Protein backbone atom coordinates (compact mmCIF):
# COMPACT_ATOMS: atom_id res chain seq x y z
CA MET A 1 63.66 134.76 132.29
CA ALA A 2 61.34 137.30 133.78
CA ASP A 3 61.77 141.20 133.41
CA PHE A 4 63.22 143.25 136.27
CA SER A 5 62.79 146.64 137.38
CA PHE A 6 64.18 148.47 140.20
CA GLN A 7 60.86 150.52 140.57
CA ASN A 8 59.77 150.96 144.11
CA LYS A 9 61.67 147.74 145.22
CA THR A 10 62.75 147.24 148.68
CA VAL A 11 66.53 146.84 148.70
CA VAL A 12 68.73 145.54 151.86
CA PHE A 13 72.29 146.45 151.46
CA ILE A 14 74.76 144.47 153.44
CA ILE A 15 77.79 145.73 154.43
CA LYS A 16 80.68 144.95 157.24
CA VAL A 17 81.28 148.20 159.05
CA CYS A 18 80.32 151.83 158.91
CA SER A 19 83.94 153.29 157.78
CA LEU A 20 83.90 155.08 154.48
CA ALA A 21 86.22 152.75 152.45
CA GLY A 22 85.62 151.81 148.67
CA ALA A 23 82.88 149.10 149.33
CA GLU A 24 80.91 151.35 151.68
CA ARG A 25 81.10 154.34 149.76
CA GLN A 26 79.57 152.38 146.42
CA ALA A 27 77.16 150.74 148.60
CA LEU A 28 75.79 154.25 149.76
CA GLY A 29 76.02 155.89 146.51
CA LEU A 30 73.93 152.93 144.80
CA ALA A 31 71.39 153.40 147.75
CA ALA A 32 71.10 157.14 146.96
CA PHE A 33 70.68 156.53 143.05
CA LEU A 34 68.14 153.79 143.58
CA LYS A 35 66.29 156.12 145.94
CA GLU A 36 65.73 158.65 143.91
CA LYS A 37 65.60 157.48 140.68
CA TYR A 38 63.46 154.42 141.41
CA ASN A 39 61.85 155.32 144.25
CA CYS A 40 63.37 152.15 146.17
CA LYS A 41 63.14 151.67 149.85
CA ILE A 42 66.38 151.30 151.34
CA HIS A 43 67.70 149.27 154.46
CA PHE A 44 71.21 149.01 155.59
CA ILE A 45 72.79 146.13 157.39
CA ALA A 46 76.26 146.47 159.03
CA THR A 47 77.52 142.76 159.86
CA HIS A 48 80.64 143.35 162.14
CA SER A 49 79.90 146.79 163.69
CA ASN A 50 77.62 149.83 163.23
CA GLU A 51 79.98 152.40 164.89
CA GLN A 52 80.10 154.94 162.54
CA THR A 53 83.04 157.15 161.57
CA GLU A 54 82.42 161.07 160.97
CA GLU A 55 83.10 160.87 157.30
CA PHE A 56 80.81 157.89 156.87
CA ARG A 57 77.92 159.17 158.73
CA LYS A 58 78.33 162.65 156.86
CA PHE A 59 78.12 160.87 153.52
CA ALA A 60 75.43 158.35 154.50
CA LEU A 61 73.24 161.16 155.60
CA SER A 62 73.94 163.21 152.55
CA CYS A 63 72.80 159.85 150.69
CA GLY A 64 69.63 159.59 152.68
CA VAL A 65 70.63 156.89 154.98
CA ASP A 66 70.24 157.68 158.68
CA LYS A 67 69.87 154.24 159.94
CA ILE A 68 72.13 151.00 159.98
CA GLU A 69 70.98 147.96 161.45
CA TYR A 70 73.18 145.59 163.85
CA TYR A 71 72.50 142.06 165.01
CA GLY A 72 75.61 141.45 167.24
CA VAL A 73 78.65 139.91 166.83
CA PRO A 74 78.86 137.79 163.86
CA SER A 75 79.09 134.31 163.74
CA LEU A 76 78.77 132.37 160.67
CA ALA A 77 81.29 129.19 160.27
CA ILE A 78 80.40 125.48 160.90
CA ARG A 79 83.09 123.01 160.57
CA LYS A 80 83.14 119.46 160.16
CA GLY A 81 83.91 117.11 163.27
CA TYR A 82 82.21 116.17 166.61
CA THR A 83 84.18 118.46 168.77
CA TYR A 84 82.98 120.88 171.36
CA THR A 85 84.43 123.81 169.85
CA ASN A 86 82.74 122.87 166.57
CA LEU A 87 79.44 122.42 168.28
CA LYS A 88 79.71 125.59 170.20
CA LYS A 89 80.41 127.37 166.80
CA THR A 90 77.84 125.65 165.20
CA ILE A 91 75.20 126.71 167.74
CA ARG A 92 76.36 130.43 167.54
CA ALA A 93 76.03 130.28 163.60
CA LEU A 94 72.53 128.84 163.82
CA ARG A 95 71.57 131.56 166.42
CA TYR A 96 72.90 134.35 164.57
CA LEU A 97 71.25 133.11 161.13
CA TYR A 98 67.81 133.03 162.86
CA MET A 99 68.10 136.47 164.44
CA VAL A 100 69.37 137.88 161.04
CA LYS A 101 66.31 136.29 158.85
CA ALA A 102 63.82 137.14 161.46
CA GLU A 103 65.00 140.92 161.47
CA VAL A 104 65.37 141.06 157.73
CA LYS A 105 61.99 139.52 157.03
CA LYS A 106 60.17 142.12 158.75
CA MET A 107 61.73 144.24 156.10
CA LYS A 108 60.01 142.68 153.19
CA PRO A 109 62.98 142.92 150.87
CA ASP A 110 62.72 142.16 147.32
CA VAL A 111 66.61 142.72 146.38
CA ILE A 112 69.33 142.09 148.89
CA ILE A 113 72.48 143.63 147.91
CA PRO A 114 75.92 142.50 149.74
CA TYR A 115 79.35 143.92 149.42
CA MET A 116 82.18 141.65 150.05
CA ASN A 117 82.36 137.83 150.97
CA PHE A 118 80.98 137.91 154.49
CA ALA A 119 77.95 139.90 153.32
CA SER A 120 77.60 137.79 150.12
CA LYS A 121 77.79 134.31 152.26
CA LEU A 122 75.02 135.86 154.38
CA ALA A 123 72.84 136.83 151.79
CA ALA A 124 72.80 133.41 149.95
CA LEU A 125 71.87 131.85 153.46
CA ILE A 126 68.77 133.99 153.87
CA TYR A 127 67.51 135.51 150.71
CA LYS A 128 65.06 132.68 149.97
CA SER A 129 63.84 132.70 153.67
CA VAL A 130 63.28 136.31 153.89
CA GLY A 131 61.31 136.71 150.74
CA ALA A 132 63.80 138.13 148.49
CA LYS A 133 63.99 137.36 144.91
CA TYR A 134 67.23 138.47 143.81
CA THR A 135 70.66 138.57 145.23
CA PHE A 136 73.99 137.67 144.21
CA TRP A 137 77.64 136.99 145.57
CA HIS A 138 79.66 140.43 145.42
CA GLU A 139 83.37 140.01 145.41
CA LEU A 140 85.46 143.14 145.27
CA GLY A 141 89.06 142.22 145.31
CA GLU A 142 89.50 141.65 148.91
CA SER A 143 91.52 138.71 150.01
CA ASP A 144 89.96 137.93 153.48
CA ASN A 145 86.98 136.86 155.00
CA TYR A 146 86.93 133.07 152.89
CA TYR A 147 86.39 130.64 155.84
CA TYR A 148 86.33 127.41 153.42
CA ASP A 149 83.72 126.06 155.97
CA GLU A 150 80.61 123.91 155.74
CA LEU A 151 78.07 127.15 155.58
CA GLU A 152 80.36 128.74 152.94
CA LYS A 153 79.81 125.71 150.64
CA LYS A 154 76.23 125.83 151.16
CA ALA A 155 76.12 129.58 150.54
CA VAL A 156 78.21 128.80 146.95
CA LYS A 157 75.92 126.61 146.10
CA GLN A 158 72.62 128.27 147.07
CA ILE A 159 73.91 131.80 145.36
CA PRO A 160 72.07 132.54 141.58
CA PHE A 161 75.47 133.77 140.45
CA PHE A 162 78.75 135.42 141.23
CA CYS A 163 79.80 139.08 140.51
CA ALA A 164 83.55 140.66 140.66
CA ASN A 165 84.92 143.77 139.65
CA ALA A 166 88.17 142.17 138.10
CA LYS A 167 88.64 138.66 136.45
CA ASP A 168 90.74 137.52 139.55
CA GLY A 169 87.97 137.68 141.86
CA PHE A 170 86.39 134.21 140.65
CA ASN A 171 89.66 132.39 141.34
CA THR A 172 88.47 130.86 144.80
CA PHE A 173 85.12 130.16 143.25
CA ILE A 174 86.09 128.29 140.19
CA GLU A 175 89.50 126.68 141.61
CA LYS A 176 88.20 125.71 145.46
CA TYR A 177 84.34 125.38 144.78
CA ASN A 178 84.15 124.14 141.15
CA VAL A 179 81.89 126.88 140.08
CA LYS A 180 81.16 127.30 136.44
CA GLU A 181 82.85 129.99 134.92
CA GLU A 182 79.51 130.87 132.96
CA LYS A 183 78.08 131.81 136.35
CA CYS A 184 80.72 134.30 137.00
CA HIS A 185 80.20 138.00 135.54
CA LEU A 186 82.52 141.08 135.56
CA LEU A 187 80.58 143.91 137.57
CA THR A 188 82.81 146.86 137.47
CA GLN A 189 82.31 149.70 140.04
CA TYR A 190 80.93 152.94 139.39
CA VAL A 191 81.60 156.63 140.54
CA SER A 192 79.41 156.82 143.65
CA PHE A 193 79.09 160.76 143.90
CA LYS A 194 78.72 163.68 141.80
CA ARG A 195 82.10 165.92 141.35
CA VAL A 196 82.10 169.09 143.28
CA ASP A 197 85.13 171.48 142.63
CA TYR A 198 86.74 173.18 145.52
CA ASP A 199 88.88 176.51 144.82
CA ASN A 200 92.30 175.26 144.61
CA ASN A 201 94.09 178.27 146.07
CA THR A 202 91.86 178.47 149.12
CA THR A 203 92.51 174.55 149.42
CA ARG A 204 96.37 174.88 149.37
CA GLU A 205 96.14 177.67 152.09
CA GLU A 206 93.92 175.60 154.32
CA PHE A 207 96.52 172.54 154.17
CA LYS A 208 99.56 174.89 154.01
CA ILE A 209 100.68 173.80 150.64
CA PRO A 210 102.77 176.66 148.53
CA LYS A 211 100.79 177.66 145.01
CA ASN A 212 103.87 176.63 142.98
CA LYS A 213 103.94 172.86 143.97
CA LEU A 214 103.07 170.06 142.09
CA ILE A 215 100.90 167.61 144.09
CA TYR A 216 101.14 164.14 144.13
CA GLY A 217 98.08 162.32 146.19
CA MET A 218 97.18 159.27 147.29
CA ILE A 219 93.67 158.66 148.91
CA ALA A 220 93.13 155.20 150.67
CA HIS A 221 92.65 154.15 153.91
CA PHE A 222 95.97 153.36 156.05
CA ARG A 223 95.71 149.87 155.97
CA ASP A 224 98.36 147.04 155.48
CA GLN A 225 97.30 146.39 151.86
CA LYS A 226 98.18 149.91 150.93
CA HIS A 227 101.59 150.96 150.31
CA PRO A 228 101.90 154.65 151.06
CA GLU A 229 105.37 154.05 152.40
CA LEU A 230 106.74 152.96 149.12
CA LEU A 231 105.11 156.41 147.61
CA MET A 232 106.65 158.26 150.50
CA GLU A 233 110.33 156.40 149.47
CA ALA A 234 110.08 157.19 146.15
CA PHE A 235 108.96 160.63 146.71
CA SER A 236 111.82 161.58 148.97
CA LYS A 237 114.59 160.40 145.94
CA MET A 238 112.92 162.60 143.47
CA GLU A 239 111.80 166.00 145.39
CA ASN A 240 115.20 167.18 145.54
CA ASN A 241 115.40 170.86 143.48
CA ARG A 242 111.80 170.04 142.28
CA ASN A 243 108.57 172.11 143.35
CA VAL A 244 106.48 169.10 144.53
CA HIS A 245 104.34 168.12 147.52
CA LEU A 246 103.02 164.63 148.56
CA LEU A 247 99.33 164.47 150.02
CA PHE A 248 97.86 161.33 151.87
CA LEU A 249 93.86 161.00 152.69
CA GLY A 250 92.81 158.17 154.89
CA ASN A 251 90.94 157.50 158.17
CA LYS A 252 93.68 156.93 160.95
CA ASP A 253 90.78 156.49 163.47
CA ASN A 254 89.10 153.73 162.04
CA ASP A 255 91.01 151.13 164.16
CA ALA A 256 94.11 150.53 166.26
CA ASP A 257 95.77 149.37 163.21
CA THR A 258 95.11 152.27 160.89
CA LEU A 259 96.28 154.80 163.78
CA SER A 260 99.47 152.81 164.12
CA LYS A 261 100.20 152.74 160.17
CA TYR A 262 99.32 156.53 160.20
CA ASN A 263 101.89 156.92 163.25
CA SER A 264 104.64 155.06 161.18
CA LEU A 265 103.83 157.18 157.98
CA VAL A 266 104.75 160.21 160.11
CA ALA A 267 107.85 159.05 161.63
CA LEU A 268 108.94 157.89 158.02
CA SER A 269 108.61 161.49 157.05
CA GLU A 270 110.62 162.79 159.77
CA ASN A 271 113.23 160.23 159.19
CA LEU A 272 113.58 160.90 155.55
CA GLY A 273 113.70 164.60 156.11
CA ILE A 274 110.59 165.50 153.81
CA LYS A 275 108.07 166.29 156.81
CA ASP A 276 107.59 169.66 155.78
CA LYS A 277 106.86 168.38 152.12
CA VAL A 278 104.32 165.61 153.13
CA SER A 279 100.67 166.20 154.53
CA LEU A 280 99.08 163.24 156.08
CA LEU A 281 95.47 163.97 156.45
CA SER A 282 92.54 162.31 157.77
CA GLY A 283 88.85 162.51 157.80
CA GLU A 284 88.84 165.32 155.42
CA SER A 285 86.29 165.79 152.25
CA VAL A 286 87.46 163.35 149.52
CA GLU A 287 85.85 166.32 147.00
CA LYS A 288 88.37 168.69 148.46
CA ILE A 289 91.23 166.66 147.92
CA LEU A 290 90.64 165.48 144.42
CA SER A 291 90.10 169.22 143.63
CA VAL A 292 93.64 170.18 144.74
CA LEU A 293 95.60 167.09 143.37
CA ASP A 294 97.74 167.07 140.10
CA VAL A 295 98.39 163.45 139.97
CA GLY A 296 96.72 160.92 141.63
CA VAL A 297 98.40 157.80 142.89
CA LEU A 298 97.54 154.47 144.13
CA VAL A 299 100.11 151.74 145.30
CA SER A 300 98.97 148.88 147.01
CA GLU A 301 99.30 144.90 147.64
CA PHE A 302 96.09 144.04 145.75
CA GLU A 303 93.01 145.57 144.32
CA GLY A 304 89.93 144.77 142.44
CA ALA A 305 89.10 147.61 140.25
CA PRO A 306 89.63 150.49 142.75
CA THR A 307 87.00 153.08 142.99
CA VAL A 308 89.31 155.90 143.94
CA LEU A 309 90.83 155.28 140.31
CA MET A 310 87.38 156.52 139.07
CA GLU A 311 87.42 159.13 140.93
CA TYR A 312 90.74 160.40 139.96
CA MET A 313 89.52 160.18 136.46
CA MET A 314 86.23 161.91 137.28
CA TYR A 315 88.45 164.86 138.34
CA GLY A 316 90.47 164.70 135.07
CA LYS A 317 93.99 163.73 136.90
CA PRO A 318 96.72 161.66 135.57
CA ILE A 319 97.29 158.43 137.33
CA ILE A 320 100.19 156.34 138.50
CA ALA A 321 98.68 152.94 139.61
CA THR A 322 100.09 149.45 140.95
CA ASN A 323 99.55 147.09 137.73
CA HIS A 324 96.68 145.16 139.42
CA VAL A 325 94.17 143.32 136.96
CA GLY A 326 91.55 145.81 138.40
CA CYS A 327 93.75 148.99 137.79
CA LYS A 328 94.59 147.76 134.24
CA LEU A 329 90.90 147.33 133.66
CA LEU A 330 90.26 150.74 134.45
CA MET A 331 93.40 152.38 132.97
CA GLU A 332 93.44 150.09 130.08
CA GLU A 333 96.82 150.39 128.40
CA SER A 334 98.33 152.96 130.40
CA GLU A 335 102.08 153.38 130.60
CA PHE A 336 101.70 154.72 134.32
CA LEU A 337 100.91 150.98 135.42
CA VAL A 338 103.96 150.15 137.68
CA PRO A 339 104.78 146.68 138.94
CA LYS A 340 103.92 145.59 142.46
CA ASN A 341 106.69 147.13 145.01
CA ASP A 342 109.07 148.72 142.07
CA GLU A 343 110.18 151.66 143.74
CA ASN A 344 112.38 152.88 140.99
CA THR A 345 109.97 152.64 138.30
CA LEU A 346 107.32 154.68 140.56
CA ARG A 347 109.72 157.28 140.93
CA GLU A 348 110.63 157.56 137.17
CA LYS A 349 106.76 157.79 136.36
CA MET A 350 106.59 160.65 138.80
CA ILE A 351 109.49 162.36 137.19
CA THR A 352 107.98 161.90 133.72
CA LEU A 353 104.67 163.32 135.09
CA TYR A 354 106.31 166.29 136.80
CA GLU A 355 108.54 167.03 133.72
CA ASP A 356 105.60 167.15 131.09
CA ALA A 357 102.56 169.42 131.87
CA ASN A 358 101.09 168.91 128.50
CA LEU A 359 101.29 165.02 129.19
CA ARG A 360 99.55 165.28 132.37
CA GLU A 361 96.61 167.56 130.46
CA SER A 362 96.26 164.92 127.86
CA ILE A 363 95.99 161.87 130.17
CA GLY A 364 93.36 163.58 132.58
CA LYS A 365 91.47 164.49 129.22
CA GLU A 366 91.62 160.98 128.28
CA HIS A 367 90.41 159.78 131.88
CA LEU A 368 87.48 162.00 131.47
CA GLU A 369 86.42 160.09 128.78
CA LEU A 370 87.08 156.56 129.90
CA VAL A 371 85.17 157.36 133.43
CA LYS A 372 82.07 157.84 131.63
CA LYS A 373 81.18 154.26 130.95
CA TYR A 374 81.51 153.77 134.99
CA SER A 375 78.08 155.28 135.63
CA LEU A 376 75.46 154.28 138.20
CA GLU A 377 73.04 154.11 135.24
CA ASN A 378 75.23 151.48 133.07
CA TYR A 379 75.76 149.60 136.67
CA CYS A 380 72.16 149.33 137.30
CA LEU A 381 71.39 148.26 133.57
CA ARG A 382 73.81 145.44 134.16
CA LEU A 383 72.32 144.27 137.12
CA LYS A 384 69.11 144.24 135.69
CA GLU A 385 70.19 141.97 132.94
CA LEU A 386 71.52 139.67 135.17
CA PHE A 387 68.81 139.35 137.61
CA GLU A 388 66.45 138.82 134.52
CA LYS A 389 68.85 136.07 133.20
CA TYR A 390 68.92 134.29 136.50
CA SER A 391 65.44 134.91 137.73
């Protein structure tokens, strides 16, 4: 076990794309912290695209990141079997690895921090040959990007240790790859930006929300694993004779699927007859929306330990969330964790918070205390301990 410090280290971050979802926000926030506090030299690599959404570009610049490296269409799967298709994939994968190694080696990295499975696989395969001493497998509760191929097997064997922000993130490694549980460590995420409060009345005017409305809001990308339509259905059945408004914030322009999801939500609000009581926003400031919400909501198919719940907490909001392992980790024994796809319970919890202003306030105060342990300082301390353990 050797002492480790982030001081003056060169850190390479590997992300998938340049859109501002939870993983990317986490990576940029950590990069800014390491740069400011430890004088780290920072590099960023995007594996699947370096085309930046506007909200990503703005947040990246605020974090001191103005350049993202990209090395072309990724190819990182090698299958068993002597077929022409496998041979072509093997050649592409080896070329891709050679190119990435050559470029990253020029950065002279000390640490490689990947976000999600493809990035972790890549980090495992290159870190020794590019001169980095520290990396790990960083599983964030996403269900995609397991290939079960020969390179993944090799990567799993070579990586020093595994981190996930919820216990179920280790299932594939333990069950499929026979990784020992003692190499698996919880590494819960952190609040990646500083709280900025916007004027409530001004923000309501901007988005044409009446001052007397209680606002339920869900901040999440318009992706298949998120269920804003369930929240909209529940809202439509509880809004009669109540001064309520529903607000969604995501990025509809991320790709064709997110735009399709956004358009389907617009159509659903019209079909339910609640279009004038729903705001569907894209590309707006997260801090501005957090400032105006009364209740934060997250309903989804799966989650790790979602960053947005920490952000709701940082702004002192009561929360209703689907009862995933990561949500429970953050919200502990909250009575406002609801079963997956349970519209009735979701609606009941929304009504409970609407009817009790004192309850909303008391839960918000509890969340302000809970979120204090999810700081960047604590996260870096935990990483330091793990790097020392496996050095």
